[in-house]
Amino acid sequence: MQFLVAVCANSYLGFLLRPGIYGGWLKNFCFPGLNCYSCPLALMACPLGTLQHLLASVRALPQTVARAALYFGGTFLLYGLLFGRLVCGWICPFGFLQEMLYRLPGPKIAHLPRTLRHLKFFLLATLVLGLPFFLVGEVGYGQVWFCRVLCPAGTLEAGLPNLLLEPSLRGLIGFVFYWKIFLLVMILIFCVLYLRFFCKIFCPLGLLYGFFNRVGLFRLRWQEKSCIRCGLCEASCPMELEIPKEINSRECIRCLNCLFLCPTKSITFNKSYRWEKEFDLVPFSVTKIRHEARRKGPGRDPSGKDHSGLS
């Protein structure tokens, strides 16, 4: 699915006949995932780039930006309420690239400190929201700072291909380009070593979608009665989440590994906009319960269930 979506989102071949990026009517729409607007193959706009452009232009073109902001806000609410971070697990081309890179053979990093995930909040507040709005030039325009100094998707999909296709751009290469190449290489290396490295540590778009996970249409549900606390759900989670405690947290990318691998089908995928405390605020982890049960005695967990048949 991720591969097919990536191909469909980047299927413009007109650049082979005429240099430059696609500027047709589809570019008026935002693609849900992280996919650079300036990629020669891209058919749609990037939501993160669009948001930065709106904030960067609000002082210079307030009336135009106000109308555009309503359109963008509606589009983003639609994606968020309909999908949440399912976009990250099934649609985002850069997420697909990370999955493929991690499959390369070699040493792997099992865990990184979870505090590093707070870096996404800093990047969202500064490069995506703060600097484009507050740091403006003489004519009142800001810049798309996340795209300019960090975004690895932009470097990989737009920066490098456009340099190959248009040699005249090579004279514009400076420090920022080399900095972004360095970041791209480092991020790709860590994606080989650590599953979904960029998603977990850096991606502000995933963070924005994550805020919709508890209120969106599609949510995961854990059924306590049928769960045998085997821990397969947590072991298979690419985001290293505690299940069911974090099953609908902002870090869940809706990959559905836990649902597919659960031997008793205790995890389901439901459609509901209704917030339900008993499902959305489960305070414990099945693995921690199992460890606690083993510590207290064989065959029994803190809820009183007998699991003496578990290996």
C-alpha atoms as a PDB file:
ATOM      1  CA  MET A   1       0.000   0.000   0.000  1.00  0.00           C
ATOM      2  CA  GLN A   2       2.756   2.461   0.911  1.00  0.00           C
ATOM      3  CA  PHE A   3       4.585   1.678  -2.325  1.00  0.00           C
ATOM      4  CA  LEU A   4       1.486   2.130  -4.485  1.00  0.00           C
ATOM      5  CA  VAL A   5       0.587   5.434  -2.818  1.00  0.00           C
ATOM      6  CA  ALA A   6       4.158   6.709  -3.231  1.00  0.00           C
ATOM      7  CA  VAL A   7       4.090   5.834  -6.947  1.00  0.00           C
ATOM      8  CA  CYS A   8       0.687   7.466  -7.484  1.00  0.00           C
ATOM      9  CA  ALA A   9       1.741  10.642  -5.657  1.00  0.00           C
ATOM     10  CA  ASN A  10       4.923  10.869  -7.752  1.00  0.00           C
ATOM     11  CA  SER A  11       3.787   9.857 -11.233  1.00  0.00           C
ATOM     12  CA  TYR A  12       4.285  13.071 -13.245  1.00  0.00           C
ATOM     13  CA  LEU A  13       6.589  12.337 -16.175  1.00  0.00           C
ATOM     14  CA  GLY A  14       6.192  15.644 -17.970  1.00  0.00           C
ATOM     15  CA  PHE A  15       9.556  16.812 -16.645  1.00  0.00           C
ATOM     16  CA  LEU A  16      11.185  14.470 -19.187  1.00  0.00           C
ATOM     17  CA  LEU A  17       9.832  16.699 -21.981  1.00  0.00           C
ATOM     18  CA  ARG A  18      10.010  20.065 -20.246  1.00  0.00           C
ATOM     19  CA  PRO A  19      12.276  20.808 -17.253  1.00  0.00           C
ATOM     20  CA  GLY A  20      10.559  22.026 -14.112  1.00  0.00           C
ATOM     21  CA  ILE A  21       7.989  20.863 -11.610  1.00  0.00           C
ATOM     22  CA  TYR A  22       4.353  20.041 -12.292  1.00  0.00           C
ATOM     23  CA  GLY A  23       2.081  23.074 -11.915  1.00  0.00           C
ATOM     24  CA  GLY A  24      -1.295  21.678 -12.915  1.00  0.00           C
ATOM     25  CA  TRP A  25      -4.582  21.683 -11.037  1.00  0.00           C
ATOM     26  CA  LEU A  26      -3.616  18.793  -8.753  1.00  0.00           C
ATOM     27  CA  LYS A  27      -1.014  21.013  -7.073  1.00  0.00           C
ATOM     28  CA  ASN A  28      -3.942  22.895  -5.526  1.00  0.00           C
ATOM     29  CA  PHE A  29      -4.491  19.883  -3.274  1.00  0.00           C
ATOM     30  CA  CYS A  30      -2.371  18.795  -0.322  1.00  0.00           C
ATOM     31  CA  PHE A  31      -1.086  15.235  -0.311  1.00  0.00           C
ATOM     32  CA  PRO A  32      -1.618  13.767   3.197  1.00  0.00           C
ATOM     33  CA  GLY A  33       1.972  12.572   3.771  1.00  0.00           C
ATOM     34  CA  LEU A  34       5.433  14.114   3.670  1.00  0.00           C
ATOM     35  CA  ASN A  35       6.080  14.482  -0.057  1.00  0.00           C
ATOM     36  CA  CYS A  36       7.935  17.507  -1.420  1.00  0.00           C
ATOM     37  CA  TYR A  37       6.046  20.003  -3.598  1.00  0.00           C
ATOM     38  CA  SER A  38       9.187  20.679  -5.643  1.00  0.00           C
ATOM     39  CA  CYS A  39       9.865  17.063  -6.567  1.00  0.00           C
ATOM     40  CA  PRO A  40       9.837  16.773 -10.406  1.00  0.00           C
ATOM     41  CA  LEU A  41       7.524  13.752 -10.076  1.00  0.00           C
ATOM     42  CA  ALA A  42       5.138  15.169  -7.448  1.00  0.00           C
ATOM     43  CA  LEU A  43       1.509  15.792  -8.407  1.00  0.00           C
ATOM     44  CA  MET A  44       0.325  17.429  -5.177  1.00  0.00           C
ATOM     45  CA  ALA A  45       1.476  19.887  -2.530  1.00  0.00           C
ATOM     46  CA  CYS A  46       3.030  19.061   0.842  1.00  0.00           C
ATOM     47  CA  PRO A  47       0.834  19.955   3.848  1.00  0.00           C
ATOM     48  CA  LEU A  48       3.829  20.910   5.983  1.00  0.00           C
ATOM     49  CA  GLY A  49       5.234  23.179   3.256  1.00  0.00           C
ATOM     50  CA  THR A  50       1.799  24.709   2.652  1.00  0.00           C
ATOM     51  CA  LEU A  51       1.374  25.511   6.335  1.00  0.00           C
ATOM     52  CA  GLN A  52       4.760  27.242   6.432  1.00  0.00           C
ATOM     53  CA  HIS A  53       3.988  29.242   3.276  1.00  0.00           C
ATOM     54  CA  LEU A  54       0.732  30.472   4.807  1.00  0.00           C
ATOM     55  CA  LEU A  55       2.446  31.595   7.991  1.00  0.00           C
ATOM     56  CA  ALA A  56       5.295  33.200   6.056  1.00  0.00           C
ATOM     57  CA  SER A  57       2.876  35.228   3.891  1.00  0.00           C
ATOM     58  CA  VAL A  58       0.271  36.265   6.442  1.00  0.00           C
ATOM     59  CA  ARG A  59       1.767  39.732   7.046  1.00  0.00           C
ATOM     60  CA  ALA A  60       2.264  40.585   3.384  1.00  0.00           C
ATOM     61  CA  LEU A  61      -1.007  39.130   2.027  1.00  0.00           C
ATOM     62  CA  PRO A  62      -3.450  38.930   4.963  1.00  0.00           C
ATOM     63  CA  GLN A  63      -6.680  38.701   2.944  1.00  0.00           C
ATOM     64  CA  THR A  64      -5.392  36.151   0.451  1.00  0.00           C
ATOM     65  CA  VAL A  65      -3.794  34.084   3.202  1.00  0.00           C
ATOM     66  CA  ALA A  66      -7.001  34.149   5.260  1.00  0.00           C
ATOM     67  CA  ARG A  67      -8.947  32.499   2.431  1.00  0.00           C
ATOM     68  CA  ALA A  68      -6.149  30.021   1.755  1.00  0.00           C
ATOM     69  CA  ALA A  69      -5.894  29.225   5.476  1.00  0.00           C
ATOM     70  CA  LEU A  70      -9.559  28.243   5.599  1.00  0.00           C
ATOM     71  CA  TYR A  71      -9.031  25.881   2.680  1.00  0.00           C
ATOM     72  CA  PHE A  72      -5.860  24.386   4.182  1.00  0.00           C
ATOM     73  CA  GLY A  73      -7.392  24.136   7.646  1.00  0.00           C
ATOM     74  CA  GLY A  74     -10.394  22.274   6.275  1.00  0.00           C
ATOM     75  CA  THR A  75      -8.169  19.909   4.318  1.00  0.00           C
ATOM     76  CA  PHE A  76      -5.966  19.190   7.311  1.00  0.00           C
ATOM     77  CA  LEU A  77      -8.949  18.640   9.613  1.00  0.00           C
ATOM     78  CA  LEU A  78     -10.373  16.225   7.053  1.00  0.00           C
ATOM     79  CA  TYR A  79      -7.150  14.204   6.940  1.00  0.00           C
ATOM     80  CA  GLY A  80      -6.683  14.350  10.716  1.00  0.00           C
ATOM     81  CA  LEU A  81     -10.223  13.375  11.697  1.00  0.00           C
ATOM     82  CA  LEU A  82     -10.485  10.741   8.992  1.00  0.00           C
ATOM     83  CA  PHE A  83      -7.039   9.148   9.270  1.00  0.00           C
ATOM     84  CA  GLY A  84      -4.965  10.522  12.171  1.00  0.00           C
ATOM     85  CA  ARG A  85      -1.507   8.939  12.032  1.00  0.00           C
ATOM     86  CA  LEU A  86      -2.770   6.192   9.774  1.00  0.00           C
ATOM     87  CA  VAL A  87      -1.242   8.530   7.170  1.00  0.00           C
ATOM     88  CA  CYS A  88       2.195   7.730   8.612  1.00  0.00           C
ATOM     89  CA  GLY A  89       1.695   3.973   8.614  1.00  0.00           C
ATOM     90  CA  TRP A  90       0.016   3.498   5.241  1.00  0.00           C
ATOM     91  CA  ILE A  91       0.332   6.604   3.040  1.00  0.00           C
ATOM     92  CA  CYS A  92       3.516   8.613   3.699  1.00  0.00           C
ATOM     93  CA  PRO A  93       6.245   7.943   1.069  1.00  0.00           C
ATOM     94  CA  PHE A  94       9.026   8.874   3.492  1.00  0.00           C
ATOM     95  CA  GLY A  95       7.613   6.409   5.997  1.00  0.00           C
ATOM     96  CA  PHE A  96       7.765   3.745   3.284  1.00  0.00           C
ATOM     97  CA  LEU A  97      11.417   4.620   2.621  1.00  0.00           C
ATOM     98  CA  GLN A  98      12.247   4.219   6.315  1.00  0.00           C
ATOM     99  CA  GLU A  99      10.591   0.792   6.402  1.00  0.00           C
ATOM    100  CA  MET A 100      12.657  -0.353   3.411  1.00  0.00           C
ATOM    101  CA  LEU A 101      15.923   1.002   4.794  1.00  0.00           C
ATOM    102  CA  TYR A 102      15.441  -0.796   8.104  1.00  0.00           C
ATOM    103  CA  ARG A 103      15.173  -4.105   6.231  1.00  0.00           C
ATOM    104  CA  LEU A 104      18.762  -3.773   5.054  1.00  0.00           C
ATOM    105  CA  PRO A 105      21.054  -6.234   6.861  1.00  0.00           C
ATOM    106  CA  GLY A 106      23.359  -5.042   9.596  1.00  0.00           C
ATOM    107  CA  PRO A 107      23.418  -4.084  13.288  1.00  0.00           C
ATOM    108  CA  LYS A 108      20.259  -2.526  14.721  1.00  0.00           C
ATOM    109  CA  ILE A 109      19.487  -0.204  17.605  1.00  0.00           C
ATOM    110  CA  ALA A 110      16.755  -1.714  19.788  1.00  0.00           C
ATOM    111  CA  HIS A 111      15.827   1.433  21.720  1.00  0.00           C
ATOM    112  CA  LEU A 112      16.653   5.131  21.973  1.00  0.00           C
ATOM    113  CA  PRO A 113      15.676   7.334  24.951  1.00  0.00           C
ATOM    114  CA  ARG A 114      12.030   8.308  24.624  1.00  0.00           C
ATOM    115  CA  THR A 115      12.892  11.840  25.677  1.00  0.00           C
ATOM    116  CA  LEU A 116      14.365  12.351  22.189  1.00  0.00           C
ATOM    117  CA  ARG A 117      10.823  12.237  20.815  1.00  0.00           C
ATOM    118  CA  HIS A 118      10.169  15.625  22.384  1.00  0.00           C
ATOM    119  CA  LEU A 119      12.382  17.102  19.672  1.00  0.00           C
ATOM    120  CA  LYS A 120       9.364  16.957  17.336  1.00  0.00           C
ATOM    121  CA  PHE A 121       7.575  19.486  19.547  1.00  0.00           C
ATOM    122  CA  PHE A 122      10.531  21.863  19.366  1.00  0.00           C
ATOM    123  CA  LEU A 123      10.775  21.589  15.571  1.00  0.00           C
ATOM    124  CA  LEU A 124       7.039  22.129  15.167  1.00  0.00           C
ATOM    125  CA  ALA A 125       7.039  25.187  17.447  1.00  0.00           C
ATOM    126  CA  THR A 126      10.146  26.802  15.901  1.00  0.00           C
ATOM    127  CA  LEU A 127      10.836  25.793  12.291  1.00  0.00           C
ATOM    128  CA  VAL A 128       7.240  25.097  11.226  1.00  0.00           C
ATOM    129  CA  LEU A 129       5.156  27.628  13.197  1.00  0.00           C
ATOM    130  CA  GLY A 130       7.347  30.209  14.916  1.00  0.00           C
ATOM    131  CA  LEU A 131      10.094  31.330  12.546  1.00  0.00           C
ATOM    132  CA  PRO A 132       7.992  31.498   9.338  1.00  0.00           C
ATOM    133  CA  PHE A 133       5.507  33.782  11.110  1.00  0.00           C
ATOM    134  CA  PHE A 134       7.746  35.986  13.271  1.00  0.00           C
ATOM    135  CA  LEU A 135      10.996  36.201  11.264  1.00  0.00           C
ATOM    136  CA  VAL A 136      10.042  38.258   8.201  1.00  0.00           C
ATOM    137  CA  GLY A 137      12.004  40.355   5.729  1.00  0.00           C
ATOM    138  CA  GLU A 138      11.601  44.000   4.721  1.00  0.00           C
ATOM    139  CA  VAL A 139       8.596  43.305   2.479  1.00  0.00           C
ATOM    140  CA  GLY A 140       6.842  41.249   5.137  1.00  0.00           C
ATOM    141  CA  TYR A 141       7.510  37.720   3.896  1.00  0.00           C
ATOM    142  CA  GLY A 142       8.975  34.951   6.024  1.00  0.00           C
ATOM    143  CA  GLN A 143      10.616  31.709   4.933  1.00  0.00           C
ATOM    144  CA  VAL A 144       9.743  28.027   5.050  1.00  0.00           C
ATOM    145  CA  TRP A 145      12.380  27.167   7.620  1.00  0.00           C
ATOM    146  CA  PHE A 146      11.702  23.473   8.091  1.00  0.00           C
ATOM    147  CA  CYS A 147      11.837  22.906   4.329  1.00  0.00           C
ATOM    148  CA  ARG A 148      14.890  25.092   3.969  1.00  0.00           C
ATOM    149  CA  VAL A 149      17.161  23.757   6.701  1.00  0.00           C
ATOM    150  CA  LEU A 150      15.988  20.294   7.716  1.00  0.00           C
ATOM    151  CA  CYS A 151      13.417  18.383   5.650  1.00  0.00           C
ATOM    152  CA  PRO A 152      15.152  15.229   4.323  1.00  0.00           C
ATOM    153  CA  ALA A 153      12.245  14.464   1.973  1.00  0.00           C
ATOM    154  CA  GLY A 154      12.786  17.800   0.230  1.00  0.00           C
ATOM    155  CA  THR A 155      16.510  17.181  -0.190  1.00  0.00           C
ATOM    156  CA  LEU A 156      16.013  13.652  -1.501  1.00  0.00           C
ATOM    157  CA  GLU A 157      12.974  14.247  -3.708  1.00  0.00           C
ATOM    158  CA  ALA A 158      13.603  17.809  -4.927  1.00  0.00           C
ATOM    159  CA  GLY A 159      17.088  19.143  -4.160  1.00  0.00           C
ATOM    160  CA  LEU A 160      19.158  16.351  -5.681  1.00  0.00           C
ATOM    161  CA  PRO A 161      16.894  15.536  -8.680  1.00  0.00           C
ATOM    162  CA  ASN A 162      16.518  19.194  -9.672  1.00  0.00           C
ATOM    163  CA  LEU A 163      20.279  19.657  -9.630  1.00  0.00           C
ATOM    164  CA  LEU A 164      20.648  16.712 -11.984  1.00  0.00           C
ATOM    165  CA  LEU A 165      17.912  17.933 -14.315  1.00  0.00           C
ATOM    166  CA  GLU A 166      18.844  21.622 -14.359  1.00  0.00           C
ATOM    167  CA  PRO A 167      22.626  22.217 -14.342  1.00  0.00           C
ATOM    168  CA  SER A 168      22.054  25.996 -14.116  1.00  0.00           C
ATOM    169  CA  LEU A 169      21.000  25.516 -10.474  1.00  0.00           C
ATOM    170  CA  ARG A 170      24.412  24.184  -9.484  1.00  0.00           C
ATOM    171  CA  GLY A 171      25.808  27.695  -9.220  1.00  0.00           C
ATOM    172  CA  LEU A 172      23.401  28.353  -6.340  1.00  0.00           C
ATOM    173  CA  ILE A 173      24.836  25.600  -4.139  1.00  0.00           C
ATOM    174  CA  GLY A 174      25.997  26.933  -0.789  1.00  0.00           C
ATOM    175  CA  PHE A 175      26.360  26.041   2.876  1.00  0.00           C
ATOM    176  CA  VAL A 176      22.652  25.323   3.413  1.00  0.00           C
ATOM    177  CA  PHE A 177      22.642  22.699   0.654  1.00  0.00           C
ATOM    178  CA  TYR A 178      25.683  20.906   2.074  1.00  0.00           C
ATOM    179  CA  TRP A 179      24.132  21.071   5.544  1.00  0.00           C
ATOM    180  CA  LYS A 180      20.948  19.439   4.261  1.00  0.00           C
ATOM    181  CA  ILE A 181      22.929  16.750   2.437  1.00  0.00           C
ATOM    182  CA  PHE A 182      24.750  15.986   5.701  1.00  0.00           C
ATOM    183  CA  LEU A 183      21.434  15.776   7.595  1.00  0.00           C
ATOM    184  CA  LEU A 184      19.919  13.571   4.904  1.00  0.00           C
ATOM    185  CA  VAL A 185      22.833  11.127   5.029  1.00  0.00           C
ATOM    186  CA  MET A 186      22.763  10.969   8.829  1.00  0.00           C
ATOM    187  CA  ILE A 187      18.984  10.464   8.937  1.00  0.00           C
ATOM    188  CA  LEU A 188      19.110   7.712   6.301  1.00  0.00           C
ATOM    189  CA  ILE A 189      21.914   5.938   8.187  1.00  0.00           C
ATOM    190  CA  PHE A 190      19.924   6.032  11.421  1.00  0.00           C
ATOM    191  CA  CYS A 191      16.846   4.789   9.537  1.00  0.00           C
ATOM    192  CA  VAL A 192      18.873   1.681   8.640  1.00  0.00           C
ATOM    193  CA  LEU A 193      19.834   1.212  12.285  1.00  0.00           C
ATOM    194  CA  TYR A 194      16.608   2.218  14.035  1.00  0.00           C
ATOM    195  CA  LEU A 195      13.080   1.564  12.773  1.00  0.00           C
ATOM    196  CA  ARG A 196      11.150   4.712  11.822  1.00  0.00           C
ATOM    197  CA  PHE A 197      13.899   6.965  13.158  1.00  0.00           C
ATOM    198  CA  PHE A 198      12.631  10.141  11.462  1.00  0.00           C
ATOM    199  CA  CYS A 199       9.001   9.454  12.428  1.00  0.00           C
ATOM    200  CA  LYS A 200       9.878   8.988  16.082  1.00  0.00           C
ATOM    201  CA  ILE A 201      12.356  11.817  16.576  1.00  0.00           C
ATOM    202  CA  PHE A 202      11.909  14.540  13.969  1.00  0.00           C
ATOM    203  CA  CYS A 203       8.639  14.528  12.014  1.00  0.00           C
ATOM    204  CA  PRO A 204       6.362  17.472  12.944  1.00  0.00           C
ATOM    205  CA  LEU A 205       3.732  16.380  10.407  1.00  0.00           C
ATOM    206  CA  GLY A 206       3.308  13.062  12.194  1.00  0.00           C
ATOM    207  CA  LEU A 207       3.048  14.962  15.479  1.00  0.00           C
ATOM    208  CA  LEU A 208       0.241  17.129  14.091  1.00  0.00           C
ATOM    209  CA  TYR A 209      -1.676  14.074  12.894  1.00  0.00           C
ATOM    210  CA  GLY A 210      -0.995  12.365  16.216  1.00  0.00           C
ATOM    211  CA  PHE A 211      -3.133  14.917  18.056  1.00  0.00           C
ATOM    212  CA  PHE A 212      -6.145  13.469  16.195  1.00  0.00           C
ATOM    213  CA  ASN A 213      -5.530   9.840  17.191  1.00  0.00           C
ATOM    214  CA  ARG A 214      -7.876   9.950  20.180  1.00  0.00           C
ATOM    215  CA  VAL A 215     -10.661  11.848  18.384  1.00  0.00           C
ATOM    216  CA  GLY A 216     -10.449  10.614  14.791  1.00  0.00           C
ATOM    217  CA  LEU A 217     -12.793   8.222  13.025  1.00  0.00           C
ATOM    218  CA  PHE A 218     -10.570   5.127  13.130  1.00  0.00           C
ATOM    219  CA  ARG A 219      -9.348   3.996  16.539  1.00  0.00           C
ATOM    220  CA  LEU A 220      -7.953   0.815  18.011  1.00  0.00           C
ATOM    221  CA  ARG A 221      -9.772  -0.996  20.808  1.00  0.00           C
ATOM    222  CA  TRP A 222      -8.336  -3.493  23.301  1.00  0.00           C
ATOM    223  CA  GLN A 223     -10.572  -6.150  24.822  1.00  0.00           C
ATOM    224  CA  GLU A 224      -9.401  -7.141  28.302  1.00  0.00           C
ATOM    225  CA  LYS A 225     -11.555 -10.259  28.573  1.00  0.00           C
ATOM    226  CA  SER A 226      -9.931 -12.112  25.685  1.00  0.00           C
ATOM    227  CA  CYS A 227      -6.348 -10.832  26.123  1.00  0.00           C
ATOM    228  CA  ILE A 228      -3.861 -13.459  27.326  1.00  0.00           C
ATOM    229  CA  ARG A 229      -1.032 -10.956  27.978  1.00  0.00           C
ATOM    230  CA  CYS A 230       1.333 -12.686  25.535  1.00  0.00           C
ATOM    231  CA  GLY A 231       3.054  -9.396  24.649  1.00  0.00           C
ATOM    232  CA  LEU A 232       3.112  -9.976  20.873  1.00  0.00           C
ATOM    233  CA  CYS A 233       1.382  -6.639  20.312  1.00  0.00           C
ATOM    234  CA  GLU A 234       4.160  -4.690  22.017  1.00  0.00           C
ATOM    235  CA  ALA A 235       6.921  -6.802  20.496  1.00  0.00           C
ATOM    236  CA  SER A 236       5.606  -6.097  16.984  1.00  0.00           C
ATOM    237  CA  CYS A 237       5.039  -2.350  17.436  1.00  0.00           C
ATOM    238  CA  PRO A 238       7.472  -0.304  15.288  1.00  0.00           C
ATOM    239  CA  MET A 239       6.906   2.747  17.508  1.00  0.00           C
ATOM    240  CA  GLU A 240       7.760   0.823  20.732  1.00  0.00           C
ATOM    241  CA  LEU A 241       4.436   1.655  22.374  1.00  0.00           C
ATOM    242  CA  GLU A 242       3.015   0.264  25.600  1.00  0.00           C
ATOM    243  CA  ILE A 243      -0.201  -1.532  24.683  1.00  0.00           C
ATOM    244  CA  PRO A 244      -3.009  -0.891  25.505  1.00  0.00           C
ATOM    245  CA  LYS A 245      -1.844   2.197  27.414  1.00  0.00           C
ATOM    246  CA  GLU A 246      -0.608   3.976  24.273  1.00  0.00           C
ATOM    247  CA  ILE A 247      -2.739   2.204  21.676  1.00  0.00           C
ATOM    248  CA  ASN A 248      -4.379   5.513  20.632  1.00  0.00           C
ATOM    249  CA  SER A 249      -1.583   7.855  21.652  1.00  0.00           C
ATOM    250  CA  ARG A 250      -0.116  10.457  19.300  1.00  0.00           C
ATOM    251  CA  GLU A 251       2.808   8.097  18.580  1.00  0.00           C
ATOM    252  CA  CYS A 252       0.667   5.286  17.133  1.00  0.00           C
ATOM    253  CA  ILE A 253       0.987   5.172  13.321  1.00  0.00           C
ATOM    254  CA  ARG A 254      -1.891   2.704  12.857  1.00  0.00           C
ATOM    255  CA  CYS A 255       0.338   0.118  11.162  1.00  0.00           C
ATOM    256  CA  LEU A 256      -2.037  -2.560  12.615  1.00  0.00           C
ATOM    257  CA  ASN A 257       0.789  -5.002  13.417  1.00  0.00           C
ATOM    258  CA  CYS A 258      -0.724  -5.501  16.872  1.00  0.00           C
ATOM    259  CA  LEU A 259      -4.141  -6.250  15.386  1.00  0.00           C
ATOM    260  CA  PHE A 260      -2.863  -8.717  12.784  1.00  0.00           C
ATOM    261  CA  LEU A 261      -0.573 -10.626  15.178  1.00  0.00           C
ATOM    262  CA  CYS A 262      -2.859 -10.854  18.217  1.00  0.00           C
ATOM    263  CA  PRO A 263      -3.605 -14.591  18.628  1.00  0.00           C
ATOM    264  CA  THR A 264      -6.939 -13.984  20.405  1.00  0.00           C
ATOM    265  CA  LYS A 265      -8.041 -10.992  18.281  1.00  0.00           C
ATOM    266  CA  SER A 266      -8.215  -8.849  21.406  1.00  0.00           C
ATOM    267  CA  ILE A 267      -7.366  -5.742  19.390  1.00  0.00           C
ATOM    268  CA  THR A 268      -9.892  -4.415  16.913  1.00  0.00           C
ATOM    269  CA  PHE A 269     -10.108  -1.455  14.535  1.00  0.00           C
ATOM    270  CA  ASN A 270     -13.313   0.480  15.161  1.00  0.00           C
ATOM    271  CA  LYS A 271     -14.988   3.487  13.577  1.00  0.00           C
ATOM    272  CA  SER A 272     -16.228   6.016  16.087  1.00  0.00           C
ATOM    273  CA  TYR A 273     -15.860   9.724  16.849  1.00  0.00           C
ATOM    274  CA  ARG A 274     -17.072   9.132  20.417  1.00  0.00           C
ATOM    275  CA  TRP A 275     -14.448   9.370  23.141  1.00  0.00           C
ATOM    276  CA  GLU A 276     -14.717   6.403  25.512  1.00  0.00           C
ATOM    277  CA  LYS A 277     -12.676   6.529  28.703  1.00  0.00           C
ATOM    278  CA  GLU A 278     -12.616   2.763  29.242  1.00  0.00           C
ATOM    279  CA  PHE A 279     -10.930   2.285  25.854  1.00  0.00           C
ATOM    280  CA  ASP A 280      -9.020   5.515  25.327  1.00  0.00           C
ATOM    281  CA  LEU A 281      -7.461   5.830  28.796  1.00  0.00           C
ATOM    282  CA  VAL A 282      -6.286   2.323  29.718  1.00  0.00           C
ATOM    283  CA  PRO A 283      -3.545   2.949  32.323  1.00  0.00           C
ATOM    284  CA  PHE A 284      -1.370  -0.163  31.965  1.00  0.00           C
ATOM    285  CA  SER A 285       0.736  -2.264  29.600  1.00  0.00           C
ATOM    286  CA  VAL A 286       0.161  -5.980  28.935  1.00  0.00           C
ATOM    287  CA  THR A 287       3.885  -6.706  29.178  1.00  0.00           C
ATOM    288  CA  LYS A 288       4.199  -4.971  32.539  1.00  0.00           C
ATOM    289  CA  ILE A 289       1.163  -6.868  33.830  1.00  0.00           C
ATOM    290  CA  ARG A 290       2.699 -10.149  32.722  1.00  0.00           C
ATOM    291  CA  HIS A 291       6.010  -9.348  34.386  1.00  0.00           C
ATOM    292  CA  GLU A 292       4.201  -8.386  37.569  1.00  0.00           C
ATOM    293  CA  ALA A 293       2.235 -11.632  37.484  1.00  0.00           C
ATOM    294  CA  ARG A 294       5.433 -13.675  37.105  1.00  0.00           C
ATOM    295  CA  ARG A 295       6.971 -11.836  40.039  1.00  0.00           C
ATOM    296  CA  LYS A 296       3.990 -12.527  42.286  1.00  0.00           C
ATOM    297  CA  GLY A 297       3.532 -16.121  41.248  1.00  0.00           C
ATOM    298  CA  PRO A 298       2.968 -18.429  38.279  1.00  0.00           C
ATOM    299  CA  GLY A 299      -0.226 -18.361  36.301  1.00  0.00           C
ATOM    300  CA  ARG A 300      -1.942 -15.241  37.657  1.00  0.00           C
ATOM    301  CA  ASP A 301      -1.919 -11.578  36.739  1.00  0.00           C
ATOM    302  CA  PRO A 302      -2.984  -8.633  38.950  1.00  0.00           C
ATOM    303  CA  SER A 303      -6.529  -8.766  37.528  1.00  0.00           C
ATOM    304  CA  GLY A 304      -6.972 -12.308  38.852  1.00  0.00           C
ATOM    305  CA  LYS A 305      -6.862 -14.118  35.522  1.00  0.00           C
ATOM    306  CA  ASP A 306      -5.262 -17.545  35.336  1.00  0.00           C
ATOM    307  CA  HIS A 307      -2.643 -17.843  32.575  1.00  0.00           C
ATOM    308  CA  SER A 308      -0.774 -20.904  33.773  1.00  0.00           C
ATOM    309  CA  GLY A 309      -0.753 -22.291  30.244  1.00  0.00           C
ATOM    310  CA  LEU A 310       1.430 -19.470  28.910  1.00  0.00           C
ATOM    311  CA  SER A 311       5.013 -20.404  28.060  1.00  0.00           C
END
